[in-house]
Amino acid sequence: MRKFFQGYDLRKLPYDLRPIAEFIGLWELQSKSGNTREFAPPDLIDIAINPLPKFGARAANITHSYFDREKNVIRSEYGFMPVKNATKRDPRIHVAYLTTSSEGMLESEDCH
């Protein structure tokens, strides 16, 4: 019997992370198009809820993996996706996407 990875178990999803529930899981690239030489998308994106931070905003963990033709990992990116839910003062939901690469690059995106 195959074990289910607890990081994808939506029954354990904290309330704060419900806005990103549909992104939790392991995502594999289906095809490449456009300027993929300069801006290559990751071959595998892993968004998991385990482990949860002990303090601060709740966040999902992110791993991007890039493979060569022989399926060897040639680059990785690691990060997290914190969520700030709506409040009476601010009805928007804020989601950030923060990653750092094995090549030393840092990316930060904020959307609401």
Protein backbone atom coordinates (compact mmCIF):
# COMPACT_ATOMS: atom_id res chain seq x y z
CA MET A 1 0.00 0.00 0.00
CA ARG A 2 1.35 3.41 -0.98
CA LYS A 3 1.65 5.96 1.81
CA PHE A 4 0.04 9.33 1.28
CA PHE A 5 2.42 12.23 1.88
CA GLN A 6 1.04 14.19 4.84
CA GLY A 7 2.14 17.47 3.28
CA TYR A 8 -0.73 17.17 0.79
CA ASP A 9 -3.40 16.10 3.28
CA LEU A 10 -6.01 18.85 3.01
CA ARG A 11 -7.73 17.53 6.13
CA LYS A 12 -4.76 19.00 8.04
CA LEU A 13 -4.85 22.29 6.17
CA PRO A 14 -4.96 25.22 8.61
CA TYR A 15 -7.85 27.61 8.14
CA ASP A 16 -5.42 30.40 7.20
CA LEU A 17 -4.22 28.44 4.14
CA ARG A 18 -7.65 27.66 2.66
CA PRO A 19 -7.31 30.36 -0.05
CA ILE A 20 -4.42 28.36 -1.60
CA ALA A 21 -5.86 24.86 -1.07
CA GLU A 22 -6.16 24.21 -4.81
CA PHE A 23 -2.39 24.72 -5.25
CA ILE A 24 -1.34 22.10 -2.66
CA GLY A 25 0.23 19.09 -4.36
CA LEU A 26 2.91 17.94 -6.77
CA TRP A 27 2.71 19.62 -10.19
CA GLU A 28 4.57 18.34 -13.25
CA LEU A 29 5.26 20.40 -16.39
CA GLN A 30 3.26 19.10 -19.37
CA SER A 31 4.86 21.11 -22.19
CA LYS A 32 7.13 24.08 -22.85
CA SER A 33 6.38 26.99 -25.16
CA GLY A 34 7.56 30.55 -25.56
CA ASN A 35 10.99 31.79 -24.51
CA THR A 36 11.90 28.71 -22.46
CA ARG A 37 15.64 29.05 -23.05
CA GLU A 38 15.87 32.27 -21.05
CA PHE A 39 12.84 31.83 -18.78
CA ALA A 40 12.48 28.08 -18.33
CA PRO A 41 9.59 26.97 -16.12
CA PRO A 42 10.31 24.36 -13.44
CA ASP A 43 9.74 20.74 -14.43
CA LEU A 44 8.30 19.92 -11.02
CA ILE A 45 6.60 22.17 -8.44
CA ASP A 46 5.93 20.80 -4.98
CA ILE A 47 3.63 22.86 -2.74
CA ALA A 48 3.10 21.24 0.65
CA ILE A 49 1.70 22.16 4.07
CA ASN A 50 4.21 20.23 6.13
CA PRO A 51 5.91 21.29 8.34
CA LEU A 52 3.82 24.22 9.49
CA PRO A 53 5.68 27.18 10.98
CA LYS A 54 5.61 27.38 14.77
CA PHE A 55 5.26 31.19 14.74
CA GLY A 56 4.31 33.98 12.33
CA ALA A 57 2.07 33.66 9.31
CA ARG A 58 0.95 30.23 8.16
CA ALA A 59 2.70 29.26 4.95
CA ALA A 60 2.93 26.45 2.41
CA ASN A 61 6.40 25.15 1.51
CA ILE A 62 7.50 25.37 -2.14
CA THR A 63 10.14 23.41 -4.05
CA HIS A 64 10.86 23.92 -7.76
CA SER A 65 12.97 21.30 -9.55
CA TYR A 66 14.58 21.65 -12.98
CA PHE A 67 15.81 18.52 -14.79
CA ASP A 68 18.13 17.82 -17.70
CA ARG A 69 17.24 15.32 -20.44
CA GLU A 70 18.43 12.40 -18.29
CA LYS A 71 16.13 13.53 -15.43
CA ASN A 72 19.03 14.71 -13.23
CA VAL A 73 18.26 17.74 -11.07
CA ILE A 74 20.23 20.67 -12.48
CA ARG A 75 18.71 23.44 -10.36
CA SER A 76 16.39 23.79 -7.37
CA GLU A 77 14.45 26.60 -5.79
CA TYR A 78 13.04 26.54 -2.27
CA GLY A 79 10.65 28.87 -0.54
CA PHE A 80 7.29 29.42 1.01
CA MET A 81 3.88 30.95 0.30
CA PRO A 82 2.48 32.88 3.29
CA VAL A 83 -1.19 33.85 3.33
CA LYS A 84 -2.74 36.81 5.14
CA ASN A 85 -6.50 36.48 5.16
CA ALA A 86 -9.08 39.23 4.93
CA THR A 87 -9.87 41.32 7.99
CA LYS A 88 -12.49 43.96 8.72
CA ARG A 89 -9.89 46.65 7.95
CA ASP A 90 -8.61 45.02 4.76
CA PRO A 91 -11.04 42.70 2.92
CA ARG A 92 -8.34 41.47 0.52
CA ILE A 93 -6.47 38.18 0.82
CA HIS A 94 -2.71 38.65 0.48
CA VAL A 95 -0.52 35.83 -0.84
CA ALA A 96 3.25 36.08 -1.27
CA TYR A 97 5.52 33.74 -3.23
CA LEU A 98 9.09 33.81 -1.90
CA THR A 99 11.80 31.56 -3.30
CA THR A 100 15.57 31.31 -3.41
CA SER A 101 17.50 29.34 -5.99
CA SER A 102 20.45 26.96 -5.76
CA GLU A 103 22.12 29.47 -8.13
CA GLY A 104 21.77 32.26 -5.56
CA MET A 105 18.81 34.11 -7.09
CA LEU A 106 16.00 35.40 -4.87
CA GLU A 107 12.43 36.02 -6.05
CA SER A 108 9.62 37.73 -4.20
CA GLU A 109 6.10 38.28 -5.52
CA ASP A 110 3.13 39.67 -3.62
CA CYS A 111 -0.44 39.57 -4.85
CA HIS A 112 -3.80 40.43 -3.38
